[in-house]
Protein backbone atom coordinates (compact mmCIF):
# COMPACT_ATOMS: atom_id res chain seq x y z
CA UNK A 1 201.04 40.93 -60.23
CA UNK A 2 204.21 40.90 -58.21
CA UNK A 3 205.35 39.99 -54.72
CA UNK A 4 205.32 43.09 -52.55
CA UNK A 5 207.56 44.06 -49.69
CA UNK A 6 205.72 45.57 -46.70
CA UNK A 7 207.07 49.08 -47.40
CA UNK A 8 206.02 49.23 -51.08
CA UNK A 9 203.42 52.03 -51.53
CA UNK A 10 201.77 50.09 -54.37
CA UNK A 11 200.82 47.44 -51.83
CA UNK A 12 198.22 49.73 -50.25
CA UNK A 13 196.19 49.92 -53.45
CA UNK A 14 196.22 46.14 -53.76
CA UNK A 15 195.13 45.65 -50.15
CA UNK A 16 192.31 48.15 -50.50
CA UNK A 17 191.01 46.61 -53.75
CA UNK A 18 188.13 44.41 -52.68
CA UNK A 19 188.49 41.23 -50.72
CA UNK A 20 191.52 39.75 -52.42
CA UNK A 21 193.16 36.83 -50.70
CA UNK A 22 196.30 38.01 -48.89
CA UNK A 23 199.21 35.57 -49.01
CA UNK A 24 202.10 36.45 -46.71
CA UNK A 25 205.34 34.52 -46.97
CA UNK A 26 207.42 34.90 -43.81
CA UNK A 27 211.11 34.49 -44.55
CA UNK A 28 214.59 35.56 -43.50
CA UNK A 29 217.40 37.06 -45.57
CA UNK A 30 219.89 34.51 -44.25
CA UNK A 31 217.70 31.51 -45.24
CA UNK A 32 218.93 29.70 -48.37
CA UNK A 33 215.53 28.02 -48.80
CA UNK A 34 213.88 31.44 -48.85
CA UNK A 35 216.31 32.72 -51.48
CA UNK A 36 215.39 29.77 -53.71
CA UNK A 37 211.66 30.12 -52.99
CA UNK A 38 211.30 33.82 -53.84
CA UNK A 39 211.61 33.51 -57.66
CA UNK A 40 209.05 30.71 -57.64
CA UNK A 41 206.72 32.83 -55.53
CA UNK A 42 207.15 35.69 -58.02
CA UNK A 43 206.17 33.36 -60.88
CA UNK A 44 203.09 32.23 -58.96
CA UNK A 45 202.13 35.84 -58.22
CA UNK A 46 202.28 36.63 -61.93
CA UNK A 47 199.72 33.87 -62.57
CA UNK A 48 197.41 34.87 -59.68
CA UNK A 49 196.20 38.48 -60.19
CA UNK A 50 193.38 38.05 -57.66
CA UNK A 51 195.81 37.27 -54.83
CA UNK A 52 198.04 39.78 -53.05
CA UNK A 53 201.47 38.34 -52.24
CA UNK A 54 203.68 39.91 -49.57
CA UNK A 55 207.23 38.86 -48.68
CA UNK A 56 207.95 39.62 -45.00
CA UNK A 57 211.47 39.25 -43.66
CA UNK A 58 210.83 38.38 -40.01
CA UNK A 59 213.92 40.20 -38.84
CA UNK A 60 213.09 43.43 -40.67
CA UNK A 61 209.33 43.38 -39.97
CA UNK A 62 208.64 41.44 -36.74
CA UNK A 63 205.54 43.57 -36.12
CA UNK A 64 203.67 41.59 -38.80
CA UNK A 65 203.90 38.44 -36.67
CA UNK A 66 202.27 39.67 -33.44
CA UNK A 67 203.46 37.25 -30.77
CA UNK A 68 203.87 34.32 -33.15
CA UNK A 69 207.19 32.64 -33.78
CA UNK A 70 208.45 31.40 -37.11
CA UNK A 71 210.82 28.47 -36.78
CA UNK A 72 210.71 26.99 -40.29
CA UNK A 73 210.50 28.42 -43.78
CA UNK A 74 208.48 29.08 -45.74
CA UNK A 75 205.78 29.95 -43.22
CA UNK A 76 202.63 31.11 -44.95
CA UNK A 77 199.67 33.16 -43.79
CA UNK A 78 196.53 33.24 -45.92
CA UNK A 79 194.10 35.96 -44.86
CA UNK A 80 190.82 37.17 -46.31
CA UNK A 81 188.96 40.25 -45.06
CA UNK A 82 191.16 40.36 -41.97
CA UNK A 83 190.47 36.73 -41.04
CA UNK A 84 193.31 34.19 -41.08
CA UNK A 85 192.43 31.11 -43.12
CA UNK A 86 195.79 29.34 -42.80
CA UNK A 87 199.00 29.91 -40.87
CA UNK A 88 201.82 27.42 -40.94
CA UNK A 89 204.91 25.98 -42.52
CA UNK A 90 204.65 24.31 -45.90
CA UNK A 91 207.16 22.42 -47.98
CA UNK A 92 209.20 24.76 -50.20
CA UNK A 93 207.52 23.48 -53.35
CA UNK A 94 205.49 26.23 -55.02
CA UNK A 95 202.90 23.72 -56.22
CA UNK A 96 201.93 23.10 -52.61
CA UNK A 97 201.23 26.80 -52.07
CA UNK A 98 199.33 26.98 -55.34
CA UNK A 99 197.05 24.12 -54.25
CA UNK A 100 196.60 25.68 -50.82
CA UNK A 101 195.54 29.00 -52.37
CA UNK A 102 193.04 27.20 -54.60
CA UNK A 103 191.61 25.34 -51.61
CA UNK A 104 191.30 28.51 -49.51
CA UNK A 105 190.05 30.91 -52.19
CA UNK A 106 186.37 30.29 -51.40
CA UNK A 107 186.79 29.45 -47.73
CA UNK A 108 185.31 31.81 -45.16
CA UNK A 109 185.89 29.87 -41.94
CA UNK A 110 188.73 31.42 -39.94
CA UNK A 111 191.79 29.42 -38.95
CA UNK A 112 191.32 27.94 -35.49
CA UNK A 113 194.97 28.02 -34.32
CA UNK A 114 197.22 30.85 -33.23
CA UNK A 115 198.09 33.23 -36.02
CA UNK A 116 199.00 36.89 -36.49
CA UNK A 117 195.94 39.11 -36.25
CA UNK A 118 194.68 41.12 -39.22
CA UNK A 119 197.96 41.51 -41.08
CA UNK A 120 196.13 43.38 -43.84
CA UNK A 121 195.24 46.16 -41.38
CA UNK A 122 198.77 46.19 -39.96
CA UNK A 123 200.26 46.53 -43.46
CA UNK A 124 197.86 49.36 -44.36
CA UNK A 125 198.64 51.13 -41.10
CA UNK A 126 202.37 50.86 -41.72
CA UNK A 127 201.95 52.25 -45.24
CA UNK A 128 199.64 54.94 -43.88
C-alpha cells in the first residue's frame, strides 16, 4: 500500500473497499518536518495494507479541513466509516503513529473534540 494524494484516482477504490481505517496526515510543502516524515509514513503504509493513508497539503487542499486549523505538524486524522476517531498533532516519530493506529483499529467511539467532518466522503466527492 502507498500514501495517496487527494487527487489520485486509485484512492477512490481504496476508500470504497470496506471499512478500512483512514489515516490522513495534514502537512505543508514548506515544512521540513513534513519532508522528513513522508518517507517514514510511506514505509508504514507498506506494512499496513488494511489502512488507507492520505497525505494532504493544507495549502493545496484546505477543503479537507472544514473549519479546523492546523498549527503543528504532523497533524493526524484517523477516521472509520465517516466517524473521526482521533484528530490532533503527534510527535514526528512514526512509531507513535503506528501505536495510535493499533489502538484505534478496533475503536468505534467517535472523537469528542472538533475535527474535520467525514473526510472520506469529501475525498470521494472530489475524486468523483
